[in-house]
Amino acid sequence: MGRDRMYDKKPLGRPKKDGTGRRRKQKVQLKRLIGLGMPEGIASKLNPKIVRDILKYPARIDTAIKVFTGGKDKKK
């Protein structure tokens, strides 16, 4: 009984994802979020999925800051 072609193909066209690339991307996204005005202490506590979701709509960053800071002003 043969194996399916799916198991024999190697990732030549597009390399497999690795942990270092993912962590590098998450670090860059976190810096972008901080650059947009999110306080660093709060941004570092967010999980990567929330960071990505906030960065999808940069125009709504003020609303996201209010939500995650408990309604405090981002300048404080």
Protein backbone atom coordinates (compact mmCIF):
# COMPACT_ATOMS: atom_id res chain seq x y z
CA MET A 1 0.00 0.00 0.00
CA GLY A 2 1.54 3.31 -1.10
CA ARG A 3 1.63 6.58 0.71
CA ASP A 4 -0.22 9.62 -0.51
CA ARG A 5 1.62 12.24 -2.50
CA MET A 6 0.92 14.75 0.27
CA TYR A 7 3.31 12.92 2.59
CA ASP A 8 6.09 12.55 0.03
CA LYS A 9 6.29 16.16 -1.13
CA LYS A 10 8.89 18.35 0.51
CA PRO A 11 8.32 22.05 1.29
CA LEU A 12 10.35 23.31 -1.66
CA GLY A 13 8.03 26.05 -2.90
CA ARG A 14 7.54 27.65 0.47
CA PRO A 15 9.64 26.80 3.50
CA LYS A 16 8.08 25.46 6.67
CA LYS A 17 7.31 27.90 9.45
CA ASP A 18 9.73 27.93 12.32
CA GLY A 19 9.65 29.38 15.81
CA THR A 20 12.31 32.01 15.24
CA GLY A 21 10.47 33.58 12.32
CA ARG A 22 7.23 33.65 14.27
CA ARG A 23 8.87 35.23 17.32
CA ARG A 24 10.62 37.82 15.13
CA LYS A 25 7.32 38.75 13.48
CA GLN A 26 5.58 39.03 16.86
CA LYS A 27 8.36 41.28 18.17
CA VAL A 28 8.06 43.59 15.15
CA GLN A 29 4.27 43.72 15.50
CA LEU A 30 4.59 44.58 19.19
CA LYS A 31 6.99 47.44 18.35
CA ARG A 32 4.53 48.73 15.75
CA LEU A 33 1.74 48.71 18.31
CA ILE A 34 3.88 50.61 20.83
CA GLY A 35 4.86 53.07 18.09
CA LEU A 36 1.18 53.75 17.41
CA GLY A 37 0.70 54.87 21.01
CA MET A 38 -0.12 51.81 23.11
CA PRO A 39 1.71 51.94 26.48
CA GLU A 40 4.55 49.41 26.53
CA GLY A 41 3.51 47.84 29.83
CA ILE A 42 0.03 47.07 28.54
CA ALA A 43 1.13 46.03 25.05
CA SER A 44 3.60 43.49 26.44
CA LYS A 45 0.78 41.76 28.35
CA LEU A 46 -1.38 41.24 25.23
CA ASN A 47 -1.25 37.92 23.46
CA PRO A 48 -0.08 37.87 19.80
CA LYS A 49 -3.57 37.31 18.38
CA ILE A 50 -4.91 40.47 20.03
CA VAL A 51 -1.87 42.43 18.83
CA ARG A 52 -2.53 41.30 15.24
CA ASP A 53 -6.24 42.13 15.55
CA ILE A 54 -5.47 45.65 16.79
CA LEU A 55 -2.92 46.25 14.02
CA LYS A 56 -5.48 45.32 11.35
CA TYR A 57 -7.21 48.65 11.97
CA PRO A 58 -4.59 51.27 12.92
CA ALA A 59 -7.16 54.08 12.71
CA ARG A 60 -8.99 52.51 15.67
CA ILE A 61 -5.90 52.44 17.90
CA ASP A 62 -7.34 55.07 20.27
CA THR A 63 -10.38 52.90 20.94
CA ALA A 64 -8.18 49.85 21.56
CA ILE A 65 -6.00 51.83 23.98
CA LYS A 66 -9.07 52.90 25.96
CA VAL A 67 -10.36 49.34 26.07
CA PHE A 68 -7.10 47.78 27.26
CA THR A 69 -6.09 50.57 29.66
CA GLY A 70 -9.45 50.64 31.38
CA GLY A 71 -10.53 53.99 29.88
CA LYS A 72 -7.43 55.88 30.97
CA ASP A 73 -5.82 58.44 28.69
CA LYS A 74 -2.90 57.10 26.66
CA LYS A 75 -0.63 60.01 27.72
CA LYS A 76 -0.58 58.94 31.38
